[in-house]
Structures are given as structure tokens and as C-alpha cells.
Amino acid sequence: DSEYWNNVFGIPIIQLSNVIAGVAFNIAIYPPIPSKILLGAAGCIGLATNCEEKISGHYIDGGAYLGLNVYVKAKNFLFAYTSGFDINTIMNIAIDLLEHQGNTYASAFRELKDQLPQSILSTGVTPKISDSLGCGATITKEDMVDQGASGGNIDFNPDCYAWVSISPFGDNIIESLDLSIEKGIGFSGKINIFDTVIVAAEMKIDVFGGSPSFFIDAKIENLSIGDYFLLGGTYDSDTGAIYGDAEFRVDLSTAPSSLLVNIEGAISIPTLKTYAYIRAVVDDTQIYFEGKMSFFNGIFEPSALVELRTDMSYFHANLQDIVFFGGVLVLNEIEFEIDAPKNEELSVYFKADITALALLRICGEFSVDGNGNGFDMSFSVTGGIDGLATMTVSGSATLNTERIEESQFNSFEYKVDVVSFEEMWEAGKKVVEDFVEGIQEGVNKAKKWISNTLSDVGDVLNGALSFIKDRLGNFVNNITSLLGAALESFVKLLDDVGGAVLNAAKNILNGIGSILSGLADFLSG
């Protein structure tokens, strides 16, 4: 026997199983009206033989369950799932139906499918983790009989499907599947777009009163659009390659209050010799951020690193190559660290390296370390014009917080380095010469960079257009000749399916009318 209720409503490609239907009436109102409805079924889209024999690429497993309740809004829900599908499968099912009906346009649809590039045919939706353990065929009638005989429920594993759930006002349970539906809106699945953008994600959002929450766990598989745009997990500056998958995970809850974040990704535009990398982590113990960008083969490369422990025992920040006002002020490096472990000595460190007007440079360090009775402090500051004159001031001191009178300066030094007049003259000439040469070189580099950049941008655009054209293949050329046949066949298909659905709906409505008429006679009797 078939595991399905085949050819439902007379449509050859609809097979159902595990059908659930329930209606509750409020008899306090005359005539009684439905107050609670539960409808649902598992099933298969495809010819019966393809569904039963699981012919790959010729059927789609799935199901949907709907709960409506007039009086208890928390019991309203929708849950739908599928084992996965793509354009290739959908077109195969359409061709199978046309051939089953003896439609002469089946060959036209097959020819249309054969002309489509593989990247289009593979576009579709599959489970988030395609190789999940324990995932097999969809629920069968034998499963229902076996489980029913033992008084149990169907063993439904949501990891085996792509699914969407809507339960705005409360948690719900589909008892026949032993499946819990969490409050809010949820989605899980992997989306493939032209074999180029592949995103696996699970998402749950609850903003319908109470305590709002938000969860998303997504991965973007290594994305490459020719050699013009790369996206992935990490960037290798030695090889210029992108490795791994970009990750984005956020889990926010307001009751109890909690936030978990894990974001890691890198992008690269090889033609423009530009890349960027970011990693951010927030959990119960730390807040961590790391980022770096490099523009046009390292013309400037700003970076940042920030780390904070949530118990406030440690903070560290490092910023490098931050340019302000077009290069008037450059933060070569700024570093600040506070280490304050519980019941241990405090340690503070600060460092700065700043260049102004491309000539004046100031570097400084300052540290404070606990010593049991107070703090040991030291500092050093150097400023000047490299190659002409510099001045360094440094020192150290001890601060006794228990006995202030014992605090003291341990050392204080300064040093001035000034070159001789002859050296200064030669150095000055060299500065001027280097300055003029630098300007000329900068102008030449700018001209070359602008020329190369314009050429590279043109290459990017041309490459992108060629990439799109290659992806589409001969689709555009063939679609015109096949469009008429496809549309005519589609219209006939809609007519056949529509007629079958209307006849089935008419029979169902007539049956419901008879039931209600009999119920009214019973109540009046």
C-alpha cells in the first residue's frame, strides 16, 4: 500500500500523509460557530511513484500545520517545513506532470531547463545543516501506524528540514509530531542564490509583548564574485586570500538580561588591493573587538583592538594608523591598559605615538604599578623633528598611600639632541630636497594611482558584467523562443489544476453544508 493519500483533489502531484483536522464549536451561540481549528498534513509534491520511491530531484517533502483559536490568542500558530527544493526540482516536477498528462509542451519545458546554467538550477532552500545525523525520509504512514499502535507520537527532527514558525503570543505543541513551537517568529534553513551567495541561518524573534528577545545564528559560505569581491571568515595578508565562512551570531534576551555576540568576517577587493577584517565577541566574561582595514595596497591601514572583561578587572585598547584632517594629525599608535585583578595589585599603562604636520613627532609612555604600600610610577616623553632636534624627558617616582611623607621622586632626567650648524644645514637641505622629491613622487604616484584605479574600476565593472553574463549562459537567448510555449502550457496547467481544486472545494463545501444542516436538525429536534 502507498504511504500517501495520493492525487489529492485529483491533482497528480499532491500526495498527503499524517493529516490532522479538528474543529471545536461554541454551542452557546446559535447557530454554533467554530471557536478552535487545527489543520495540517505532511506530504509530498511530485508524482506518486517519485514520492514513494524517493527519486532524487523529482519530489519535495514537507508539511504545514495551522492552529486558530478565537478565545485564546496564544494558541494561534503556523508551522511549515520542507526537506528542501531548488529550481531544478521544481522544473522536473512540472515536466513530470506535463508528461503524465500527455501534454505536448513537456519537451519545451525540458528544453528550457536544459538551457539554464547549473548556477540557476541549484538556486533554492535546504536544511541549515544538510548532513544532520538521524535525518532520513519524511514522515510515512508506516511511522504513524507504528507510533499509534504503541500509543506514542511521530519522532520529528526539525534539524532535518528548512522551516518557518509563527506563534506570536505563546508557546504551542503539535502533539502528533511531539514538536514544540516557541513563542515568536522563527526560521531555519540554507539559502543558495546562483551558487554564489550561500547563507545558512537560524533566527528567532519575539517582540510581541512580555520580554522581547532576538536570536540569529548565520554563516555566509566563502563568497567569491570572480576576482572582484571576496567575503569569508579571515584574511591572509601574505597570500591575499580569504579563508573560512563569515559568522554572525547574536543572542539577546531581556528577562533575564543577557547578550551574546560572535561576529567574524573579512572582505577583499583584490583589484583595488583593499581589504577589511573584523572580529567581535560579547559574552558573560568579556567584550572583545578587533578590526583592521587596508586601502589601496596599504596607503593607510587603520586598526583597532579593544578588550574589556565584564567584571571590570581588565581593559586594553590599541589603535594604530588613525589619520585625521587629511594627514595633518596621525595617531601612529595609542595604547591603554588597566589590569586590576581582584585582591591583586593594580597596573596601568599608557603609550602614545603621534605625528603632526608630517614633521613633528611626539612619543610618550606612562605606567603605574601597585607595590603593596602604594604605587611605582614612571614616564618618558620624546618630542621633536627627526634628524634636526629632539628632547626627551623621563622620570620615576614612588607614591606611598599609607605614609604620604615617604613618597619621593626616584629620578628625573632630560636630554636634548641638536645637530651642529653644518649638520643642521645639510639636514635642512636634505629635508627640503626630500620634501620636494616627496611631493613630486607623491604627484607621480597619485597620477599613476588615479590612472590605475580608473582602469581597475573599469576592469571590475567589465569583469562583473562578464561574470553575470557567464552565469546566465544562454538563458536570455533561449527564453524568448520558449516563452510562448511555456506560458501556454502554464495556462493549461493552471486551468487543469484550478478545475480540480474548484471541484474538490465544491464537494467539500457541500459536505460541510450537509453536516451543518444535520446538526441544525438535531439541535432543533
Protein backbone atom coordinates (compact mmCIF):
# COMPACT_ATOMS: atom_id res chain seq x y z
CA ASP A 1 0.00 0.00 0.00
CA SER A 2 1.06 3.57 -0.61
CA GLU A 3 2.22 5.58 2.40
CA TYR A 4 0.35 8.59 1.00
CA TRP A 5 -3.16 9.70 0.23
CA ASN A 6 -2.39 10.02 -3.45
CA ASN A 7 -3.60 12.55 -6.05
CA VAL A 8 -5.35 14.75 -3.52
CA PHE A 9 -8.24 16.75 -5.03
CA GLY A 10 -7.48 14.99 -8.29
CA ILE A 11 -4.10 16.73 -8.65
CA PRO A 12 -1.44 14.15 -9.66
CA ILE A 13 1.46 15.91 -7.92
CA ILE A 14 -0.06 16.30 -4.43
CA GLN A 15 0.32 13.37 -2.01
CA LEU A 16 -0.52 13.74 1.69
CA SER A 17 0.08 11.84 4.93
CA ASN A 18 -0.32 12.47 8.67
CA VAL A 19 -3.41 14.58 8.01
CA ILE A 20 -4.78 16.35 11.07
CA ALA A 21 -8.13 18.14 11.14
CA GLY A 22 -10.05 19.30 14.18
CA VAL A 23 -12.83 21.80 14.83
CA ALA A 24 -14.41 22.90 18.11
CA PHE A 25 -17.76 24.76 18.16
CA ASN A 26 -19.16 27.23 20.69
CA ILE A 27 -22.64 25.79 21.17
CA ALA A 28 -23.60 28.67 23.48
CA ILE A 29 -24.12 30.69 20.30
CA TYR A 30 -26.80 29.80 17.76
CA PRO A 31 -26.02 28.86 15.16
CA PRO A 32 -22.81 27.40 16.61
CA ILE A 33 -19.63 28.88 15.21
CA PRO A 34 -16.12 27.37 15.14
CA SER A 35 -14.04 28.55 18.09
CA LYS A 36 -10.95 26.42 17.52
CA ILE A 37 -9.49 24.93 14.35
CA LEU A 38 -6.45 22.70 13.83
CA LEU A 39 -5.44 21.77 10.30
CA GLY A 40 -2.30 20.20 8.97
CA ALA A 41 -0.59 17.47 6.99
CA ALA A 42 2.74 16.12 5.95
CA GLY A 43 3.09 15.46 2.29
CA CYS A 44 4.98 15.38 -0.93
CA ILE A 45 4.83 17.41 -4.13
CA GLY A 46 5.59 15.20 -7.12
CA LEU A 47 4.13 12.21 -8.91
CA ALA A 48 3.12 9.41 -6.55
CA THR A 49 5.80 6.99 -7.80
CA ASN A 50 8.54 9.62 -7.42
CA CYS A 51 7.41 10.41 -3.86
CA GLU A 52 7.15 6.77 -2.79
CA GLU A 53 10.44 5.72 -4.36
CA LYS A 54 12.20 8.97 -3.33
CA ILE A 55 13.51 9.75 -6.81
CA SER A 56 16.06 12.49 -6.17
CA GLY A 57 15.31 15.81 -7.84
CA HIS A 58 11.71 14.87 -8.66
CA TYR A 59 9.85 15.44 -5.39
CA ILE A 60 9.64 17.86 -2.45
CA ASP A 61 8.85 16.60 1.05
CA GLY A 62 7.29 18.92 3.59
CA GLY A 63 4.27 19.82 5.63
CA ALA A 64 2.31 22.60 7.29
CA TYR A 65 0.21 22.94 10.46
CA LEU A 66 -2.16 25.76 11.34
CA GLY A 67 -3.85 26.45 14.68
CA LEU A 68 -6.59 29.07 15.13
CA ASN A 69 -8.31 29.91 18.41
CA VAL A 70 -10.92 32.65 18.79
CA TYR A 71 -10.73 32.90 22.57
CA VAL A 72 -7.12 32.02 23.46
CA LYS A 73 -4.84 34.07 21.22
CA ALA A 74 -1.73 32.27 22.49
CA LYS A 75 -2.96 29.16 20.66
CA ASN A 76 -2.75 30.71 17.20
CA PHE A 77 0.23 29.42 15.25
CA LEU A 78 1.63 28.34 11.88
CA PHE A 79 4.46 25.90 11.29
CA ALA A 80 5.68 24.88 7.83
CA TYR A 81 8.68 22.83 6.80
CA THR A 82 10.36 21.28 3.77
CA SER A 83 13.18 18.84 3.13
CA GLY A 84 14.47 21.30 0.55
CA PHE A 85 13.98 22.26 -3.07
CA ASP A 86 15.69 24.11 -5.91
CA ILE A 87 14.81 25.37 -9.39
CA ASN A 88 15.92 22.07 -10.90
CA THR A 89 13.50 20.08 -8.72
CA ILE A 90 10.59 22.45 -9.38
CA MET A 91 11.11 22.24 -13.14
CA ASN A 92 11.46 18.44 -13.02
CA ILE A 93 8.14 18.15 -11.18
CA ALA A 94 6.48 20.42 -13.77
CA ILE A 95 7.91 18.32 -16.62
CA ASP A 96 6.81 15.08 -14.91
CA LEU A 97 3.26 16.45 -14.58
CA LEU A 98 3.09 17.53 -18.23
CA GLU A 99 4.39 14.16 -19.41
CA HIS A 100 1.94 12.37 -17.10
CA GLN A 101 -0.91 14.33 -18.70
CA GLY A 102 0.43 13.74 -22.19
CA ASN A 103 0.94 17.45 -22.70
CA THR A 104 2.92 18.20 -25.86
CA TYR A 105 4.70 21.12 -24.21
CA ALA A 106 6.63 18.86 -21.83
CA SER A 107 9.52 18.77 -24.32
CA ALA A 108 9.55 22.58 -24.47
CA PHE A 109 9.88 22.78 -20.67
CA ARG A 110 12.62 20.16 -20.75
CA GLU A 111 14.48 22.10 -23.42
CA LEU A 112 14.11 25.28 -21.35
CA LYS A 113 15.54 23.52 -18.28
CA ASP A 114 18.46 22.12 -20.29
CA GLN A 115 19.39 25.65 -21.39
CA LEU A 116 19.56 27.03 -17.85
CA PRO A 117 23.01 27.26 -16.21
CA GLN A 118 23.67 24.98 -13.24
CA SER A 119 24.02 28.05 -11.01
CA ILE A 120 20.34 28.92 -11.64
CA LEU A 121 19.12 25.32 -11.36
CA SER A 122 20.79 24.92 -7.95
CA THR A 123 19.17 28.06 -6.52
CA GLY A 124 16.88 27.05 -3.66
CA VAL A 125 16.38 26.27 0.02
CA THR A 126 17.69 23.30 2.02
CA PRO A 127 18.03 22.45 5.74
CA LYS A 128 20.55 24.57 7.64
CA ILE A 129 22.76 21.53 8.28
CA SER A 130 22.30 19.27 5.25
CA ASP A 131 24.20 16.35 6.80
CA SER A 132 22.44 16.35 10.19
CA LEU A 133 22.66 12.97 11.90
CA GLY A 134 19.44 10.98 12.02
CA CYS A 135 17.86 12.73 9.04
CA GLY A 136 16.13 10.40 6.59
CA ALA A 137 12.94 10.33 4.58
CA THR A 138 9.96 12.39 5.65
CA ILE A 139 7.24 11.03 7.94
CA THR A 140 5.48 8.00 6.44
CA LYS A 141 2.15 6.30 7.00
CA GLU A 142 4.04 3.32 8.47
CA ASP A 143 5.58 5.68 11.04
CA MET A 144 2.08 6.80 12.01
CA VAL A 145 0.75 3.23 12.32
CA ASP A 146 3.73 2.06 14.37
CA GLN A 147 3.66 5.07 16.67
CA GLY A 148 -0.10 4.93 17.01
CA ALA A 149 -0.06 1.26 17.94
CA SER A 150 2.42 1.95 20.71
CA GLY A 151 0.48 4.99 21.90
CA GLY A 152 3.34 7.34 21.04
CA ASN A 153 3.94 10.25 18.72
CA ILE A 154 5.85 10.74 15.48
CA ASP A 155 9.58 11.39 16.02
CA PHE A 156 10.02 14.67 14.15
CA ASN A 157 13.52 16.16 13.92
CA PRO A 158 13.39 19.85 12.87
CA ASP A 159 17.14 19.80 12.07
CA CYS A 160 16.29 17.69 9.03
CA TYR A 161 14.20 20.44 7.44
CA ALA A 162 14.13 24.06 6.49
CA TRP A 163 11.25 25.55 8.46
CA VAL A 164 9.39 28.70 9.41
CA SER A 165 7.22 29.19 12.50
CA ILE A 166 4.83 31.94 13.57
CA SER A 167 3.44 31.80 17.10
CA PRO A 168 3.17 35.44 18.19
CA PHE A 169 1.56 35.16 21.60
CA GLY A 170 2.67 31.91 23.23
CA ASP A 171 4.38 28.51 23.01
CA ASN A 172 2.49 25.73 21.26
CA ILE A 173 2.79 21.98 20.79
CA ILE A 174 1.86 19.81 17.81
CA GLU A 175 1.24 16.60 19.73
CA SER A 176 1.22 14.26 16.72
CA LEU A 177 4.78 15.39 15.92
CA ASP A 178 5.86 15.84 19.53
CA LEU A 179 7.05 19.26 18.37
CA SER A 180 7.27 22.39 20.49
CA ILE A 181 6.84 25.75 18.75
CA GLU A 182 8.45 28.61 20.64
CA LYS A 183 6.76 31.96 21.04
CA GLY A 184 7.68 34.46 18.32
CA ILE A 185 8.76 34.15 14.69
CA GLY A 186 11.38 31.61 13.68
CA PHE A 187 13.24 30.41 10.61
CA SER A 188 15.91 27.82 9.89
CA GLY A 189 17.44 26.87 6.57
CA LYS A 190 20.16 27.34 3.99
CA ILE A 191 19.54 29.64 1.03
CA ASN A 192 21.54 29.20 -2.17
CA ILE A 193 21.46 32.02 -4.73
CA PHE A 194 23.16 31.17 -8.04
CA ASP A 195 25.84 29.07 -6.27
CA THR A 196 27.36 32.40 -5.30
CA VAL A 197 25.62 33.57 -2.13
CA ILE A 198 25.05 30.66 0.27
CA VAL A 199 23.70 31.58 3.70
CA ALA A 200 22.85 29.09 6.44
CA ALA A 201 20.83 30.70 9.23
CA GLU A 202 18.58 30.11 12.20
CA MET A 203 16.57 33.02 13.56
CA LYS A 204 14.04 33.59 16.35
CA ILE A 205 12.43 36.93 17.13
CA ASP A 206 9.94 37.67 19.90
CA VAL A 207 8.72 41.25 20.15
CA PHE A 208 5.06 40.55 20.89
CA GLY A 209 4.81 41.81 24.46
CA GLY A 210 6.37 40.42 27.59
CA SER A 211 10.14 40.16 27.42
CA PRO A 212 11.48 40.80 23.90
CA SER A 213 14.27 38.57 22.63
CA PHE A 214 16.28 38.22 19.44
CA PHE A 215 18.43 35.36 18.20
CA ILE A 216 20.25 34.84 14.90
CA ASP A 217 22.97 32.39 14.01
CA ALA A 218 24.14 32.78 10.42
CA LYS A 219 27.08 31.72 8.30
CA ILE A 220 27.92 33.01 4.83
CA GLU A 221 29.95 30.42 2.98
CA ASN A 222 33.13 31.67 1.34
CA LEU A 223 31.80 34.06 -1.28
CA SER A 224 33.71 34.85 -4.45
CA ILE A 225 32.44 37.03 -7.28
CA GLY A 226 35.20 36.38 -9.76
CA ASP A 227 38.37 38.09 -8.54
CA TYR A 228 36.49 41.30 -7.83
CA PHE A 229 34.89 40.70 -4.42
CA LEU A 230 35.72 38.09 -1.78
CA LEU A 231 33.97 37.51 1.55
CA GLY A 232 34.79 34.93 4.20
CA GLY A 233 35.99 34.35 7.74
CA THR A 234 39.60 35.59 7.82
CA TYR A 235 42.09 37.38 5.55
CA ASP A 236 45.66 36.20 4.95
CA SER A 237 47.74 39.33 4.28
CA ASP A 238 50.63 37.21 2.95
CA THR A 239 48.66 35.46 0.21
CA GLY A 240 45.77 37.91 -0.17
CA ALA A 241 43.32 35.01 0.19
CA ILE A 242 40.06 34.79 2.15
CA TYR A 243 39.52 31.64 4.22
CA GLY A 244 36.56 30.11 6.05
CA ASP A 245 32.98 31.32 6.47
CA ALA A 246 31.82 34.67 7.75
CA GLU A 247 29.90 34.20 11.02
CA PHE A 248 27.21 36.33 12.61
CA ARG A 249 25.64 35.26 15.91
CA VAL A 250 23.60 37.45 18.25
CA ASP A 251 21.52 36.21 21.21
CA LEU A 252 19.72 38.98 23.09
CA SER A 253 17.32 38.38 25.98
CA THR A 254 15.73 40.91 28.30
CA ALA A 255 14.45 38.55 31.01
CA PRO A 256 16.88 37.63 32.33
CA SER A 257 19.06 40.28 30.75
CA SER A 258 21.82 38.75 28.63
CA LEU A 259 23.71 39.42 25.40
CA LEU A 260 25.91 37.07 23.42
CA VAL A 261 27.64 38.23 20.23
CA ASN A 262 30.10 36.47 17.94
CA ILE A 263 30.86 38.18 14.64
CA GLU A 264 33.82 37.37 12.41
CA GLY A 265 34.34 38.19 8.79
CA ALA A 266 36.65 39.62 6.15
CA ILE A 267 36.18 41.19 2.74
CA SER A 268 38.69 41.77 -0.02
CA ILE A 269 38.66 43.65 -3.32
CA PRO A 270 41.85 42.27 -4.91
CA THR A 271 41.75 44.52 -7.97
CA LEU A 272 41.85 47.63 -5.75
CA LYS A 273 44.25 45.96 -3.27
CA THR A 274 41.85 46.71 -0.44
CA TYR A 275 40.65 44.52 2.42
CA ALA A 276 38.98 44.71 5.83
CA TYR A 277 38.69 42.30 8.77
CA ILE A 278 36.53 42.38 11.88
CA ARG A 279 36.00 40.14 14.90
CA ALA A 280 33.67 40.95 17.78
CA VAL A 281 32.78 38.82 20.81
CA VAL A 282 30.42 39.64 23.67
CA ASP A 283 29.62 37.06 26.35
CA ASP A 284 29.29 36.74 30.09
CA THR A 285 33.03 37.31 30.65
CA GLN A 286 34.26 39.78 28.04
CA ILE A 287 33.69 42.36 25.34
CA TYR A 288 36.23 41.98 22.56
CA PHE A 289 36.63 43.86 19.27
CA GLU A 290 39.36 43.61 16.66
CA GLY A 291 39.34 45.29 13.28
CA LYS A 292 41.71 46.28 10.52
CA MET A 293 41.40 47.93 7.11
CA SER A 294 43.92 48.39 4.35
CA PHE A 295 43.22 50.68 1.43
CA PHE A 296 44.90 50.66 -1.98
CA ASN A 297 47.85 48.42 -1.16
CA GLY A 298 48.48 49.92 2.27
CA ILE A 299 48.33 53.67 1.54
CA PHE A 300 46.82 53.74 5.02
CA GLU A 301 45.94 50.85 7.32
CA PRO A 302 43.91 51.81 10.40
CA SER A 303 43.38 49.12 13.03
CA ALA A 304 41.74 48.81 16.43
CA LEU A 305 41.77 46.32 19.29
CA VAL A 306 39.56 46.68 22.37
CA GLU A 307 39.11 44.15 25.17
CA LEU A 308 37.08 44.56 28.37
CA ARG A 309 36.29 41.95 31.00
CA THR A 310 32.79 42.27 32.34
CA ASP A 311 33.98 42.09 35.96
CA MET A 312 35.94 45.31 35.19
CA SER A 313 39.22 43.63 36.13
CA TYR A 314 40.90 44.25 32.77
CA PHE A 315 40.73 46.76 29.93
CA HIS A 316 43.00 47.04 26.91
CA ALA A 317 42.77 49.24 23.81
CA ASN A 318 45.18 49.67 20.93
CA LEU A 319 44.64 51.98 17.96
CA GLN A 320 47.08 52.28 15.06
CA ASP A 321 47.45 54.39 11.91
CA ILE A 322 44.43 56.62 12.54
CA VAL A 323 44.57 59.64 10.20
CA PHE A 324 42.83 62.96 10.92
CA PHE A 325 42.37 66.06 8.75
CA GLY A 326 43.89 64.53 5.64
CA GLY A 327 47.16 63.62 7.33
CA VAL A 328 47.66 66.79 9.39
CA LEU A 329 47.47 64.62 12.52
CA VAL A 330 48.32 60.90 12.56
CA LEU A 331 47.92 58.61 15.56
CA ASN A 332 50.68 56.13 14.79
CA GLU A 333 49.76 54.20 17.91
CA ILE A 334 47.66 54.73 21.04
CA GLU A 335 47.65 52.03 23.70
CA PHE A 336 45.92 52.00 27.07
CA GLU A 337 45.78 49.09 29.52
CA ILE A 338 44.35 48.65 33.01
CA ASP A 339 44.90 45.37 34.83
CA ALA A 340 43.08 45.21 38.15
CA PRO A 341 42.61 41.57 39.23
CA LYS A 342 40.56 41.08 42.37
CA ASN A 343 42.70 41.12 45.52
CA GLU A 344 45.83 41.84 43.46
CA GLU A 345 47.87 44.92 42.63
CA LEU A 346 46.64 47.49 40.09
CA SER A 347 48.64 48.07 36.89
CA VAL A 348 48.11 50.92 34.41
CA TYR A 349 49.98 51.51 31.14
CA PHE A 350 49.60 54.25 28.54
CA LYS A 351 51.51 54.80 25.32
CA ALA A 352 51.13 57.36 22.52
CA ASP A 353 52.96 57.94 19.25
CA ILE A 354 51.66 60.96 17.31
CA THR A 355 52.88 62.78 14.21
CA ALA A 356 51.71 66.30 13.31
CA LEU A 357 52.24 68.11 10.01
CA ALA A 358 54.38 65.15 8.83
CA LEU A 359 57.37 66.66 10.75
CA LEU A 360 56.71 66.96 14.47
CA ARG A 361 56.61 63.67 16.34
CA ILE A 362 55.71 63.09 19.98
CA CYS A 363 56.11 59.73 21.71
CA GLY A 364 55.26 59.06 25.34
CA GLU A 365 54.83 56.24 27.84
CA PHE A 366 53.37 56.25 31.34
CA SER A 367 52.98 53.34 33.76
CA VAL A 368 51.66 52.78 37.27
CA ASP A 369 52.22 49.53 39.20
CA GLY A 370 50.98 48.67 42.67
CA ASN A 371 53.65 47.77 45.24
CA GLY A 372 51.66 46.88 48.35
CA ASN A 373 52.00 50.26 50.08
CA GLY A 374 51.21 52.40 47.11
CA PHE A 375 52.39 52.75 43.52
CA ASP A 376 55.56 52.87 41.45
CA MET A 377 55.21 55.34 38.58
CA SER A 378 57.39 56.06 35.56
CA PHE A 379 57.10 58.21 32.45
CA SER A 380 59.02 59.11 29.32
CA VAL A 381 58.20 61.72 26.66
CA THR A 382 60.14 62.42 23.47
CA GLY A 383 59.29 65.20 21.06
CA GLY A 384 60.92 66.96 18.16
CA ILE A 385 61.74 66.82 14.48
CA ASP A 386 63.57 63.69 13.46
CA GLY A 387 67.01 64.49 12.05
CA LEU A 388 67.11 68.04 13.46
CA ALA A 389 66.33 68.24 17.16
CA THR A 390 64.66 66.05 19.79
CA MET A 391 64.10 66.39 23.52
CA THR A 392 63.41 63.53 25.94
CA VAL A 393 62.11 63.88 29.48
CA SER A 394 61.84 60.83 31.72
CA GLY A 395 61.44 60.07 35.36
CA SER A 396 60.14 57.76 38.06
CA ALA A 397 58.51 58.17 41.46
CA THR A 398 57.12 56.19 44.34
CA LEU A 399 53.77 57.08 45.90
CA ASN A 400 53.17 55.70 49.39
CA THR A 401 49.44 55.92 50.02
CA GLU A 402 49.76 54.81 53.64
CA ARG A 403 52.51 57.28 54.58
CA ILE A 404 52.45 60.19 52.12
CA GLU A 405 55.60 61.72 53.63
CA GLU A 406 57.60 58.74 52.36
CA SER A 407 56.59 59.38 48.75
CA GLN A 408 59.50 60.50 46.58
CA PHE A 409 60.90 61.16 43.11
CA ASN A 410 63.40 58.45 42.27
CA SER A 411 64.74 60.02 39.10
CA PHE A 412 64.19 62.90 36.72
CA GLU A 413 66.20 63.30 33.52
CA TYR A 414 66.05 65.26 30.34
CA LYS A 415 68.10 65.12 27.19
CA VAL A 416 68.28 67.44 24.19
CA ASP A 417 69.81 66.32 20.93
CA VAL A 418 70.55 69.12 18.45
CA VAL A 419 72.75 68.66 15.45
CA SER A 420 75.58 71.14 14.63
CA PHE A 421 75.03 74.10 12.30
CA GLU A 422 76.73 72.26 9.43
CA GLU A 423 74.77 69.13 10.14
CA MET A 424 71.61 71.19 10.54
CA TRP A 425 72.30 72.94 7.23
CA GLU A 426 72.88 69.66 5.46
CA ALA A 427 69.92 68.11 7.22
CA GLY A 428 67.79 71.13 6.32
CA LYS A 429 68.84 70.90 2.69
CA LYS A 430 68.07 67.21 2.74
CA VAL A 431 64.66 67.84 4.35
CA VAL A 432 63.86 70.39 1.64
CA GLU A 433 65.15 68.12 -1.10
CA ASP A 434 63.31 65.14 0.33
CA PHE A 435 60.21 67.30 0.73
CA VAL A 436 60.33 68.45 -2.91
CA GLU A 437 61.18 64.95 -4.09
CA GLY A 438 58.41 63.56 -1.93
CA ILE A 439 55.91 65.98 -3.40
CA GLN A 440 56.99 65.07 -6.93
CA GLU A 441 56.91 61.38 -6.11
CA GLY A 442 53.53 61.81 -4.45
CA VAL A 443 52.17 63.60 -7.51
CA ASN A 444 53.52 60.86 -9.77
CA LYS A 445 52.11 58.17 -7.52
CA ALA A 446 48.78 59.97 -7.37
CA LYS A 447 48.64 60.25 -11.16
CA LYS A 448 49.59 56.61 -11.52
CA TRP A 449 47.17 55.54 -8.79
CA ILE A 450 44.29 57.50 -10.33
CA SER A 451 45.05 56.06 -13.75
CA ASN A 452 45.37 52.52 -12.38
CA THR A 453 42.31 52.90 -10.18
CA LEU A 454 40.16 54.11 -13.06
CA SER A 455 41.46 51.23 -15.14
CA ASP A 456 40.87 48.79 -12.26
CA VAL A 457 37.36 50.09 -11.69
CA GLY A 458 36.69 49.62 -15.40
CA ASP A 459 38.07 46.09 -15.17
CA VAL A 460 35.87 45.42 -12.14
CA LEU A 461 32.75 46.59 -13.95
CA ASN A 462 33.62 44.72 -17.14
CA GLY A 463 34.51 41.63 -15.15
CA ALA A 464 31.31 41.82 -13.14
CA LEU A 465 29.24 42.14 -16.32
CA SER A 466 31.12 39.22 -17.88
CA PHE A 467 30.61 37.23 -14.68
CA ILE A 468 26.86 37.83 -14.75
CA LYS A 469 26.72 37.03 -18.45
CA ASP A 470 28.63 33.76 -17.92
CA ARG A 471 26.33 32.83 -15.05
CA LEU A 472 23.22 33.36 -17.12
CA GLY A 473 24.73 31.45 -20.05
CA ASN A 474 22.40 31.11 -22.99
CA PHE A 475 19.32 31.63 -20.85
CA VAL A 476 18.42 35.03 -22.34
CA ASN A 477 18.80 33.79 -25.92
CA ASN A 478 16.58 30.76 -25.37
CA ILE A 479 13.93 32.22 -23.11
CA THR A 480 12.40 34.31 -25.93
CA SER A 481 11.79 31.35 -28.21
CA LEU A 482 10.45 29.17 -25.39
CA LEU A 483 8.41 31.78 -23.52
CA GLY A 484 5.33 31.36 -25.68
CA ALA A 485 5.24 27.61 -25.29
CA ALA A 486 5.96 27.85 -21.56
CA LEU A 487 3.20 30.37 -20.95
CA GLU A 488 0.66 28.41 -22.98
CA SER A 489 1.50 25.23 -21.11
CA PHE A 490 1.41 27.05 -17.78
CA VAL A 491 -2.05 28.46 -18.56
CA LYS A 492 -3.30 24.97 -19.41
CA LEU A 493 -1.75 23.64 -16.21
CA LEU A 494 -3.49 26.33 -14.15
CA ASP A 495 -6.75 25.53 -15.89
CA ASP A 496 -6.45 21.80 -15.15
CA VAL A 497 -5.34 22.34 -11.55
CA GLY A 498 -7.84 25.11 -10.97
CA GLY A 499 -10.70 22.96 -12.22
CA ALA A 500 -9.68 20.10 -9.99
CA VAL A 501 -9.33 22.38 -6.95
CA LEU A 502 -12.70 24.05 -7.60
CA ASN A 503 -14.47 20.70 -7.96
CA ALA A 504 -12.82 19.43 -4.78
CA ALA A 505 -13.69 22.63 -2.92
CA LYS A 506 -17.29 22.39 -4.14
CA ASN A 507 -17.57 18.81 -2.85
CA ILE A 508 -16.02 19.81 0.50
CA LEU A 509 -18.39 22.77 0.91
CA ASN A 510 -21.39 20.59 0.02
CA GLY A 511 -20.25 18.07 2.63
CA ILE A 512 -19.83 20.78 5.29
CA GLY A 513 -23.28 22.12 4.39
CA SER A 514 -24.83 18.71 4.87
CA ILE A 515 -23.12 18.32 8.25
CA LEU A 516 -24.29 21.75 9.44
CA SER A 517 -27.83 21.07 8.17
CA GLY A 518 -27.92 17.76 10.04
CA LEU A 519 -26.54 19.46 13.16
CA ALA A 520 -29.22 22.15 12.95
CA ASP A 521 -31.97 19.50 12.60
CA PHE A 522 -30.53 17.65 15.59
CA LEU A 523 -30.46 20.78 17.76
CA SER A 524 -33.98 21.85 16.72
CA GLY A 525 -35.28 18.31 17.41
